[in-house]
Amino acid sequence: MLVLAADQFAKNAAIAALPSERVVPIIGDFLQFYLVRNPGAAFSLGEGVTWVFTIALAVVACVIVYLGVRRVRSRLWAIVLGLLLGGVLGNLTDRLVREPGFPVGHVVDFISTPWMMPAIYNVADMFIVTMMISVAILVLFGLKLDGTRETKASRAAAESADGAVDAPADPGAR
């Protein structure tokens, strides 16, 4: 909930303090604020189907909660998925409560780093992206949701066990 609170606080502060659609240099071209209300997804894609993003965010939030309650036994996975959930809920909140209204509200974006990417984003987006990278890293390193580590040996053992069940019995073995 800390990510959700930080995201909504930052968005409300941006709305109160920033001019709409005008660059406000913070650290030259390194960091700028540029307040926009985004009806679509990344790069304003899909502006006409905002309600689809609302449904997608709600489904993702439900899946994360389900995994957290039923499957996650690893503290690291719990932290990563909790931070991801905070980011998802930040943008879902915008879709539900901001203008033009439920369920097609526009997401408030205001952070711009033109040297890195030509996108304008928010605190929730930063957590969504960094936590998805974290999920990929955890999967690549073989850390399962229950906290056990998948190794080459465990993978080979599982594959050979699957093969042993499927293989016909050797009639010549005694």
N, C-alpha and C. Protein backbone atom coordinates (compact mmCIF):
# COMPACT_ATOMS: atom_id res chain seq x y z
N MET A 1 0.81 -1.20 0.00
CA MET A 1 0.00 0.00 0.00
C MET A 1 0.85 1.26 0.00
N LEU A 2 2.11 1.12 0.41
CA LEU A 2 3.01 2.28 0.42
C LEU A 2 3.25 2.80 -0.99
N VAL A 3 3.40 1.90 -1.95
CA VAL A 3 3.60 2.31 -3.35
C VAL A 3 2.36 3.02 -3.87
N LEU A 4 1.19 2.47 -3.58
CA LEU A 4 -0.06 3.09 -4.01
C LEU A 4 -0.18 4.50 -3.41
N ALA A 5 0.10 4.63 -2.12
CA ALA A 5 0.01 5.94 -1.46
C ALA A 5 1.01 6.93 -2.05
N ALA A 6 2.25 6.47 -2.27
CA ALA A 6 3.27 7.36 -2.83
C ALA A 6 2.89 7.79 -4.25
N ASP A 7 2.36 6.86 -5.03
CA ASP A 7 1.96 7.16 -6.39
C ASP A 7 0.84 8.20 -6.41
N GLN A 8 -0.19 7.98 -5.63
CA GLN A 8 -1.32 8.91 -5.63
C GLN A 8 -0.93 10.27 -5.05
N PHE A 9 -0.08 10.27 -4.03
CA PHE A 9 0.40 11.54 -3.48
C PHE A 9 1.17 12.32 -4.54
N ALA A 10 2.08 11.64 -5.25
CA ALA A 10 2.89 12.30 -6.28
C ALA A 10 2.01 12.83 -7.41
N LYS A 11 1.02 12.05 -7.83
CA LYS A 11 0.12 12.48 -8.90
C LYS A 11 -0.69 13.70 -8.47
N ASN A 12 -1.22 13.68 -7.25
CA ASN A 12 -2.01 14.82 -6.77
C ASN A 12 -1.13 16.06 -6.61
N ALA A 13 0.10 15.88 -6.17
CA ALA A 13 1.03 17.02 -6.06
C ALA A 13 1.36 17.57 -7.44
N ALA A 14 1.54 16.69 -8.41
CA ALA A 14 1.83 17.12 -9.79
C ALA A 14 0.66 17.91 -10.36
N ILE A 15 -0.54 17.42 -10.15
CA ILE A 15 -1.73 18.13 -10.65
C ILE A 15 -1.83 19.51 -10.01
N ALA A 16 -1.54 19.59 -8.73
CA ALA A 16 -1.66 20.87 -8.02
C ALA A 16 -0.57 21.86 -8.39
N ALA A 17 0.63 21.38 -8.72
CA ALA A 17 1.77 22.28 -8.87
C ALA A 17 2.27 22.49 -10.29
N LEU A 18 1.96 21.58 -11.20
CA LEU A 18 2.56 21.66 -12.54
C LEU A 18 1.58 22.20 -13.58
N PRO A 19 2.12 22.98 -14.52
CA PRO A 19 1.27 23.39 -15.64
C PRO A 19 1.04 22.19 -16.55
N SER A 20 -0.11 22.16 -17.19
CA SER A 20 -0.44 21.05 -18.05
C SER A 20 0.33 21.15 -19.38
N GLU A 21 0.95 20.06 -19.76
CA GLU A 21 1.62 19.88 -21.05
C GLU A 21 2.67 20.95 -21.35
N ARG A 22 3.44 21.30 -20.33
CA ARG A 22 4.59 22.21 -20.51
C ARG A 22 5.77 21.64 -19.76
N VAL A 23 6.93 21.65 -20.39
CA VAL A 23 8.14 21.12 -19.77
C VAL A 23 8.55 21.99 -18.60
N VAL A 24 8.82 21.31 -17.47
CA VAL A 24 9.37 21.98 -16.29
C VAL A 24 10.70 21.28 -16.00
N PRO A 25 11.82 21.92 -16.36
CA PRO A 25 13.12 21.28 -16.12
C PRO A 25 13.40 21.17 -14.63
N ILE A 26 13.78 19.99 -14.21
CA ILE A 26 14.15 19.76 -12.80
C ILE A 26 15.66 19.65 -12.71
N ILE A 27 16.24 18.79 -13.54
CA ILE A 27 17.70 18.67 -13.65
C ILE A 27 18.01 18.71 -15.15
N GLY A 28 17.91 19.88 -15.73
CA GLY A 28 18.19 20.06 -17.16
C GLY A 28 17.39 19.10 -18.02
N ASP A 29 18.08 18.44 -18.96
CA ASP A 29 17.44 17.44 -19.81
C ASP A 29 17.47 16.05 -19.17
N PHE A 30 18.09 15.94 -18.00
CA PHE A 30 18.17 14.66 -17.32
C PHE A 30 16.83 14.26 -16.72
N LEU A 31 16.17 15.21 -16.05
CA LEU A 31 14.88 14.95 -15.42
C LEU A 31 13.99 16.17 -15.62
N GLN A 32 12.83 15.92 -16.19
CA GLN A 32 11.87 16.98 -16.43
C GLN A 32 10.50 16.51 -15.95
N PHE A 33 9.66 17.47 -15.60
CA PHE A 33 8.26 17.16 -15.33
C PHE A 33 7.45 17.69 -16.49
N TYR A 34 6.47 16.91 -16.92
CA TYR A 34 5.59 17.28 -18.02
C TYR A 34 4.25 16.60 -17.75
N LEU A 35 3.30 17.36 -17.25
CA LEU A 35 2.02 16.81 -16.81
C LEU A 35 1.10 16.52 -17.98
N VAL A 36 0.69 15.26 -18.07
CA VAL A 36 -0.29 14.84 -19.07
C VAL A 36 -1.25 13.85 -18.42
N ARG A 37 -2.41 13.75 -19.02
CA ARG A 37 -3.38 12.73 -18.61
C ARG A 37 -3.49 11.75 -19.76
N ASN A 38 -3.10 10.52 -19.49
CA ASN A 38 -2.96 9.51 -20.53
C ASN A 38 -4.20 8.60 -20.57
N PRO A 39 -4.96 8.66 -21.66
CA PRO A 39 -6.14 7.80 -21.77
C PRO A 39 -5.79 6.38 -22.25
N GLY A 40 -4.58 6.18 -22.74
CA GLY A 40 -4.21 4.88 -23.29
C GLY A 40 -3.19 4.16 -22.44
N ALA A 41 -2.47 3.28 -23.09
CA ALA A 41 -1.40 2.53 -22.42
C ALA A 41 -0.09 3.28 -22.67
N ALA A 42 1.01 2.56 -22.66
CA ALA A 42 2.31 3.18 -22.90
C ALA A 42 2.28 3.93 -24.22
N PHE A 43 2.86 5.11 -24.21
CA PHE A 43 2.93 5.98 -25.40
C PHE A 43 1.54 6.34 -25.91
N SER A 44 0.54 6.34 -25.03
CA SER A 44 -0.86 6.68 -25.34
C SER A 44 -1.48 5.76 -26.37
N LEU A 45 -0.99 4.55 -26.50
CA LEU A 45 -1.57 3.59 -27.44
C LEU A 45 -2.93 3.11 -26.90
N GLY A 46 -3.87 2.90 -27.77
CA GLY A 46 -5.16 2.35 -27.39
C GLY A 46 -6.07 3.33 -26.69
N GLU A 47 -6.02 4.59 -27.07
CA GLU A 47 -6.82 5.62 -26.40
C GLU A 47 -8.32 5.33 -26.44
N GLY A 48 -8.79 4.65 -27.46
CA GLY A 48 -10.22 4.40 -27.59
C GLY A 48 -10.73 3.21 -26.80
N VAL A 49 -9.83 2.46 -26.19
CA VAL A 49 -10.24 1.26 -25.45
C VAL A 49 -9.70 1.29 -24.02
N THR A 50 -9.82 2.43 -23.38
CA THR A 50 -9.32 2.60 -22.02
C THR A 50 -9.92 1.57 -21.07
N TRP A 51 -11.18 1.22 -21.26
CA TRP A 51 -11.84 0.27 -20.37
C TRP A 51 -11.16 -1.10 -20.40
N VAL A 52 -10.53 -1.45 -21.53
CA VAL A 52 -9.81 -2.72 -21.62
C VAL A 52 -8.61 -2.71 -20.66
N PHE A 53 -7.93 -1.57 -20.56
CA PHE A 53 -6.79 -1.46 -19.64
C PHE A 53 -7.27 -1.57 -18.19
N THR A 54 -8.45 -1.03 -17.91
CA THR A 54 -9.01 -1.14 -16.56
C THR A 54 -9.24 -2.60 -16.21
N ILE A 55 -9.83 -3.34 -17.13
CA ILE A 55 -10.08 -4.77 -16.90
C ILE A 55 -8.75 -5.51 -16.74
N ALA A 56 -7.78 -5.22 -17.62
CA ALA A 56 -6.49 -5.90 -17.55
C ALA A 56 -5.79 -5.62 -16.22
N LEU A 57 -5.80 -4.37 -15.78
CA LEU A 57 -5.18 -4.03 -14.49
C LEU A 57 -5.87 -4.75 -13.34
N ALA A 58 -7.20 -4.83 -13.39
CA ALA A 58 -7.94 -5.52 -12.33
C ALA A 58 -7.60 -7.02 -12.31
N VAL A 59 -7.50 -7.63 -13.48
CA VAL A 59 -7.16 -9.05 -13.56
C VAL A 59 -5.74 -9.28 -13.02
N VAL A 60 -4.80 -8.44 -13.44
CA VAL A 60 -3.42 -8.57 -12.95
C VAL A 60 -3.38 -8.43 -11.43
N ALA A 61 -4.10 -7.45 -10.89
CA ALA A 61 -4.12 -7.26 -9.44
C ALA A 61 -4.68 -8.51 -8.75
N CYS A 62 -5.75 -9.09 -9.29
CA CYS A 62 -6.33 -10.30 -8.70
C CYS A 62 -5.36 -11.48 -8.76
N VAL A 63 -4.67 -11.63 -9.86
CA VAL A 63 -3.69 -12.72 -9.99
C VAL A 63 -2.56 -12.55 -8.98
N ILE A 64 -2.08 -11.33 -8.82
CA ILE A 64 -1.01 -11.09 -7.85
C ILE A 64 -1.49 -11.41 -6.43
N VAL A 65 -2.70 -10.98 -6.09
CA VAL A 65 -3.24 -11.27 -4.75
C VAL A 65 -3.40 -12.78 -4.57
N TYR A 66 -3.94 -13.46 -5.58
CA TYR A 66 -4.09 -14.92 -5.50
C TYR A 66 -2.74 -15.59 -5.26
N LEU A 67 -1.75 -15.23 -6.08
CA LEU A 67 -0.42 -15.83 -5.91
C LEU A 67 0.13 -15.54 -4.52
N GLY A 68 -0.04 -14.30 -4.08
CA GLY A 68 0.48 -13.92 -2.77
C GLY A 68 -0.14 -14.70 -1.63
N VAL A 69 -1.43 -14.97 -1.74
CA VAL A 69 -2.14 -15.67 -0.68
C VAL A 69 -1.94 -17.18 -0.76
N ARG A 70 -2.00 -17.73 -1.96
CA ARG A 70 -2.02 -19.18 -2.13
C ARG A 70 -0.68 -19.84 -2.42
N ARG A 71 0.23 -19.15 -3.08
CA ARG A 71 1.41 -19.82 -3.60
C ARG A 71 2.73 -19.30 -3.06
N VAL A 72 2.82 -18.01 -2.77
CA VAL A 72 4.10 -17.42 -2.41
C VAL A 72 4.49 -17.80 -0.98
N ARG A 73 5.68 -18.34 -0.85
CA ARG A 73 6.26 -18.66 0.46
C ARG A 73 7.64 -18.05 0.61
N SER A 74 8.07 -17.34 -0.40
CA SER A 74 9.39 -16.70 -0.41
C SER A 74 9.23 -15.23 -0.06
N ARG A 75 10.03 -14.76 0.88
CA ARG A 75 9.98 -13.35 1.27
C ARG A 75 10.33 -12.46 0.08
N LEU A 76 11.32 -12.85 -0.71
CA LEU A 76 11.72 -12.05 -1.86
C LEU A 76 10.59 -11.94 -2.89
N TRP A 77 9.94 -13.07 -3.20
CA TRP A 77 8.81 -13.03 -4.11
C TRP A 77 7.68 -12.18 -3.54
N ALA A 78 7.44 -12.28 -2.24
CA ALA A 78 6.37 -11.48 -1.62
C ALA A 78 6.66 -9.99 -1.76
N ILE A 79 7.89 -9.59 -1.56
CA ILE A 79 8.26 -8.18 -1.70
C ILE A 79 8.08 -7.71 -3.14
N VAL A 80 8.62 -8.48 -4.07
CA VAL A 80 8.54 -8.10 -5.49
C VAL A 80 7.08 -8.02 -5.95
N LEU A 81 6.29 -9.03 -5.62
CA LEU A 81 4.89 -9.02 -6.05
C LEU A 81 4.09 -7.94 -5.31
N GLY A 82 4.43 -7.67 -4.06
CA GLY A 82 3.76 -6.60 -3.33
C GLY A 82 4.03 -5.23 -3.94
N LEU A 83 5.28 -4.98 -4.32
CA LEU A 83 5.61 -3.71 -4.97
C LEU A 83 4.97 -3.60 -6.35
N LEU A 84 4.93 -4.71 -7.07
CA LEU A 84 4.26 -4.74 -8.37
C LEU A 84 2.76 -4.45 -8.20
N LEU A 85 2.15 -5.06 -7.19
CA LEU A 85 0.74 -4.82 -6.92
C LEU A 85 0.49 -3.34 -6.61
N GLY A 86 1.36 -2.72 -5.85
CA GLY A 86 1.22 -1.30 -5.56
C GLY A 86 1.22 -0.46 -6.82
N GLY A 87 2.11 -0.76 -7.75
CA GLY A 87 2.15 -0.04 -9.02
C GLY A 87 0.91 -0.26 -9.85
N VAL A 88 0.46 -1.50 -9.93
CA VAL A 88 -0.75 -1.82 -10.69
C VAL A 88 -1.95 -1.09 -10.09
N LEU A 89 -2.06 -1.12 -8.76
CA LEU A 89 -3.18 -0.44 -8.10
C LEU A 89 -3.13 1.07 -8.27
N GLY A 90 -1.92 1.63 -8.38
CA GLY A 90 -1.79 3.07 -8.61
C GLY A 90 -2.44 3.49 -9.92
N ASN A 91 -2.13 2.77 -10.98
CA ASN A 91 -2.72 3.11 -12.28
C ASN A 91 -4.19 2.68 -12.36
N LEU A 92 -4.54 1.57 -11.71
CA LEU A 92 -5.94 1.15 -11.68
C LEU A 92 -6.80 2.19 -10.96
N THR A 93 -6.28 2.76 -9.89
CA THR A 93 -7.01 3.81 -9.17
C THR A 93 -7.32 4.97 -10.10
N ASP A 94 -6.33 5.39 -10.90
CA ASP A 94 -6.58 6.46 -11.86
C ASP A 94 -7.69 6.08 -12.83
N ARG A 95 -7.66 4.87 -13.34
CA ARG A 95 -8.68 4.41 -14.30
C ARG A 95 -10.08 4.43 -13.67
N LEU A 96 -10.14 4.20 -12.37
CA LEU A 96 -11.44 4.10 -11.71
C LEU A 96 -11.99 5.43 -11.21
N VAL A 97 -11.11 6.36 -10.79
CA VAL A 97 -11.61 7.56 -10.12
C VAL A 97 -11.32 8.88 -10.82
N ARG A 98 -10.41 8.91 -11.76
CA ARG A 98 -10.07 10.18 -12.40
C ARG A 98 -10.97 10.45 -13.61
N GLU A 99 -10.95 11.70 -14.05
CA GLU A 99 -11.74 12.11 -15.22
C GLU A 99 -11.26 11.35 -16.45
N PRO A 100 -12.09 10.99 -17.37
CA PRO A 100 -13.49 11.39 -17.48
C PRO A 100 -14.45 10.54 -16.67
N GLY A 101 -13.97 9.55 -15.93
CA GLY A 101 -14.84 8.81 -15.03
C GLY A 101 -14.64 7.31 -15.12
N PHE A 102 -15.33 6.61 -14.25
CA PHE A 102 -15.26 5.16 -14.13
C PHE A 102 -15.75 4.50 -15.41
N PRO A 103 -15.13 3.52 -15.94
CA PRO A 103 -13.81 2.93 -15.75
C PRO A 103 -12.81 3.40 -16.80
N VAL A 104 -12.98 4.62 -17.28
CA VAL A 104 -12.16 5.12 -18.38
C VAL A 104 -11.32 6.33 -17.97
N GLY A 105 -11.01 6.42 -16.69
CA GLY A 105 -10.21 7.55 -16.21
C GLY A 105 -8.84 7.57 -16.84
N HIS A 106 -8.29 8.74 -16.96
CA HIS A 106 -6.97 8.92 -17.56
C HIS A 106 -5.90 8.84 -16.48
N VAL A 107 -4.82 8.14 -16.78
CA VAL A 107 -3.70 8.01 -15.85
C VAL A 107 -2.88 9.29 -15.89
N VAL A 108 -2.52 9.78 -14.71
CA VAL A 108 -1.71 10.99 -14.61
C VAL A 108 -0.25 10.60 -14.75
N ASP A 109 0.42 11.15 -15.75
CA ASP A 109 1.85 10.96 -15.99
C ASP A 109 2.52 12.31 -15.91
N PHE A 110 3.73 12.34 -15.35
CA PHE A 110 4.40 13.65 -15.22
C PHE A 110 5.92 13.58 -15.19
N ILE A 111 6.51 12.40 -15.17
CA ILE A 111 7.97 12.28 -15.09
C ILE A 111 8.51 12.01 -16.49
N SER A 112 9.51 12.79 -16.87
CA SER A 112 10.11 12.64 -18.19
C SER A 112 11.63 12.58 -18.06
N THR A 113 12.21 11.60 -18.68
CA THR A 113 13.67 11.47 -18.77
C THR A 113 14.01 11.31 -20.24
N PRO A 114 14.07 12.43 -20.97
CA PRO A 114 14.23 12.35 -22.42
C PRO A 114 15.52 11.67 -22.87
N TRP A 115 16.55 11.67 -22.07
CA TRP A 115 17.81 11.03 -22.42
C TRP A 115 17.68 9.52 -22.43
N MET A 116 16.71 8.99 -21.66
CA MET A 116 16.58 7.55 -21.52
C MET A 116 15.53 6.98 -22.47
N MET A 117 14.38 7.61 -22.51
CA MET A 117 13.29 7.12 -23.36
C MET A 117 12.33 8.27 -23.63
N PRO A 118 11.66 8.20 -24.74
CA PRO A 118 10.73 9.28 -25.08
C PRO A 118 9.34 9.04 -24.46
N ALA A 119 9.30 8.68 -23.19
CA ALA A 119 8.03 8.40 -22.53
C ALA A 119 7.84 9.34 -21.35
N ILE A 120 6.60 9.54 -20.98
CA ILE A 120 6.27 10.27 -19.77
C ILE A 120 5.57 9.26 -18.88
N TYR A 121 5.98 9.18 -17.63
CA TYR A 121 5.49 8.12 -16.78
C TYR A 121 5.23 8.64 -15.37
N ASN A 122 4.94 7.73 -14.45
CA ASN A 122 4.63 8.10 -13.08
C ASN A 122 5.27 7.12 -12.11
N VAL A 123 5.04 7.31 -10.84
CA VAL A 123 5.64 6.44 -9.81
C VAL A 123 5.17 5.00 -9.98
N ALA A 124 3.88 4.80 -10.24
CA ALA A 124 3.35 3.45 -10.44
C ALA A 124 4.06 2.75 -11.59
N ASP A 125 4.25 3.47 -12.69
CA ASP A 125 4.93 2.89 -13.85
C ASP A 125 6.34 2.44 -13.51
N MET A 126 7.04 3.24 -12.70
CA MET A 126 8.42 2.88 -12.31
C MET A 126 8.42 1.57 -11.54
N PHE A 127 7.47 1.38 -10.65
CA PHE A 127 7.41 0.14 -9.89
C PHE A 127 6.98 -1.03 -10.76
N ILE A 128 6.05 -0.80 -11.67
CA ILE A 128 5.62 -1.88 -12.57
C ILE A 128 6.80 -2.37 -13.40
N VAL A 129 7.53 -1.45 -14.00
CA VAL A 129 8.65 -1.84 -14.87
C VAL A 129 9.77 -2.50 -14.06
N THR A 130 10.18 -1.89 -12.97
CA THR A 130 11.30 -2.46 -12.21
C THR A 130 10.93 -3.80 -11.57
N MET A 131 9.68 -3.95 -11.14
CA MET A 131 9.29 -5.22 -10.54
C MET A 131 9.10 -6.31 -11.59
N MET A 132 8.70 -5.96 -12.80
CA MET A 132 8.63 -6.97 -13.86
C MET A 132 10.03 -7.43 -14.24
N ILE A 133 10.98 -6.52 -14.23
CA ILE A 133 12.38 -6.92 -14.44
C ILE A 133 12.82 -7.83 -13.31
N SER A 134 12.43 -7.50 -12.08
CA SER A 134 12.78 -8.34 -10.93
C SER A 134 12.16 -9.73 -11.05
N VAL A 135 10.91 -9.81 -11.51
CA VAL A 135 10.27 -11.10 -11.73
C VAL A 135 11.07 -11.91 -12.74
N ALA A 136 11.47 -11.28 -13.83
CA ALA A 136 12.26 -11.98 -14.85
C ALA A 136 13.57 -12.50 -14.26
N ILE A 137 14.21 -11.69 -13.44
CA ILE A 137 15.49 -12.11 -12.81
C ILE A 137 15.26 -13.28 -11.87
N LEU A 138 14.21 -13.22 -11.06
CA LEU A 138 13.92 -14.32 -10.14
C LEU A 138 13.65 -15.61 -10.91
N VAL A 139 12.91 -15.51 -12.00
CA VAL A 139 12.64 -16.69 -12.82
C VAL A 139 13.93 -17.20 -13.46
N LEU A 140 14.75 -16.29 -13.99
CA LEU A 140 16.02 -16.71 -14.62
C LEU A 140 16.95 -17.40 -13.64
N PHE A 141 16.92 -16.94 -12.38
CA PHE A 141 17.78 -17.57 -11.37
C PHE A 141 17.13 -18.79 -10.74
N GLY A 142 15.93 -19.13 -11.19
CA GLY A 142 15.29 -20.37 -10.75
C GLY A 142 14.68 -20.31 -9.37
N LEU A 143 14.39 -19.12 -8.83
CA LEU A 143 13.76 -19.04 -7.52
C LEU A 143 12.26 -19.21 -7.69
N LYS A 144 11.74 -20.28 -7.10
CA LYS A 144 10.31 -20.56 -7.21
C LYS A 144 9.53 -19.74 -6.19
N LEU A 145 8.23 -19.66 -6.40
CA LEU A 145 7.37 -18.89 -5.51
C LEU A 145 7.43 -19.40 -4.07
N ASP A 146 7.70 -20.69 -3.90
CA ASP A 146 7.76 -21.24 -2.55
C ASP A 146 9.12 -21.03 -1.88
N GLY A 147 10.04 -20.41 -2.59
CA GLY A 147 11.36 -20.11 -2.03
C GLY A 147 12.43 -21.12 -2.36
N THR A 148 12.04 -22.25 -2.94
CA THR A 148 13.04 -23.24 -3.33
C THR A 148 13.67 -22.79 -4.64
N ARG A 149 14.85 -23.32 -4.88
CA ARG A 149 15.57 -22.95 -6.09
C ARG A 149 15.57 -24.12 -7.05
N GLU A 150 15.20 -23.82 -8.29
CA GLU A 150 15.25 -24.83 -9.34
C GLU A 150 16.67 -24.87 -9.87
N THR A 151 17.28 -26.03 -9.79
CA THR A 151 18.64 -26.20 -10.29
C THR A 151 18.60 -27.10 -11.52
N LYS A 152 19.72 -27.18 -12.18
CA LYS A 152 19.80 -28.08 -13.34
C LYS A 152 19.55 -29.51 -12.90
N ALA A 153 20.07 -29.89 -11.73
CA ALA A 153 19.89 -31.25 -11.24
C ALA A 153 18.42 -31.53 -10.94
N SER A 154 17.72 -30.57 -10.30
CA SER A 154 16.31 -30.80 -9.98
C SER A 154 15.47 -30.83 -11.26
N ARG A 155 15.85 -30.02 -12.23
CA ARG A 155 15.14 -30.02 -13.50
C ARG A 155 15.36 -31.34 -14.22
N ALA A 156 16.60 -31.84 -14.22
CA ALA A 156 16.91 -33.12 -14.86
C ALA A 156 16.19 -34.27 -14.16
N ALA A 157 16.14 -34.21 -12.83
CA ALA A 157 15.45 -35.26 -12.07
C ALA A 157 13.96 -35.26 -12.39
N ALA A 158 13.37 -34.09 -12.49
CA ALA A 158 11.95 -33.99 -12.82
C ALA A 158 11.69 -34.52 -14.23
N GLU A 159 12.58 -34.17 -15.16
CA GLU A 159 12.41 -34.65 -16.53
C GLU A 159 12.58 -36.16 -16.61
N SER A 160 13.55 -36.72 -15.87
CA SER A 160 13.75 -38.17 -15.92
C SER A 160 12.60 -38.89 -15.22
N ALA A 161 12.03 -38.28 -14.18
CA ALA A 161 10.87 -38.89 -13.53
C ALA A 161 9.68 -38.90 -14.47
N ASP A 162 9.51 -37.84 -15.23
CA ASP A 162 8.44 -37.80 -16.22
C ASP A 162 8.67 -38.86 -17.28
N GLY A 163 9.90 -39.01 -17.71
CA GLY A 163 10.24 -40.01 -18.72
C GLY A 163 10.06 -41.41 -18.21
N ALA A 164 10.38 -41.66 -16.92
CA ALA A 164 10.25 -42.99 -16.34
C ALA A 164 8.79 -43.41 -16.26
N VAL A 165 7.91 -42.49 -16.00
CA VAL A 165 6.49 -42.81 -15.91
C VAL A 165 5.95 -43.13 -17.30
N ASP A 166 6.41 -42.40 -18.30
CA ASP A 166 5.91 -42.59 -19.65
C ASP A 166 6.58 -43.75 -20.38
N ALA A 167 7.76 -44.16 -19.95
CA ALA A 167 8.50 -45.20 -20.66
C ALA A 167 7.91 -46.57 -20.35
N PRO A 168 7.82 -47.43 -21.37
CA PRO A 168 7.30 -48.79 -21.11
C PRO A 168 8.33 -49.57 -20.29
N ALA A 169 7.83 -50.52 -19.51
CA ALA A 169 8.72 -51.36 -18.68
C ALA A 169 9.59 -52.20 -19.59
N ASP A 170 10.84 -52.41 -19.19
CA ASP A 170 11.80 -53.23 -19.96
C ASP A 170 11.53 -54.69 -19.62
N PRO A 171 11.04 -55.46 -20.60
CA PRO A 171 10.71 -56.86 -20.33
C PRO A 171 11.96 -57.69 -20.04
N GLY A 172 13.13 -57.25 -20.46
CA GLY A 172 14.36 -58.02 -20.25
C GLY A 172 15.00 -57.75 -18.89
N ALA A 173 14.53 -56.76 -18.14
CA ALA A 173 15.12 -56.43 -16.83
C ALA A 173 14.60 -57.39 -15.77
N ARG A 174 15.49 -57.83 -14.87
CA ARG A 174 15.09 -58.73 -13.78
C ARG A 174 15.39 -58.12 -12.48
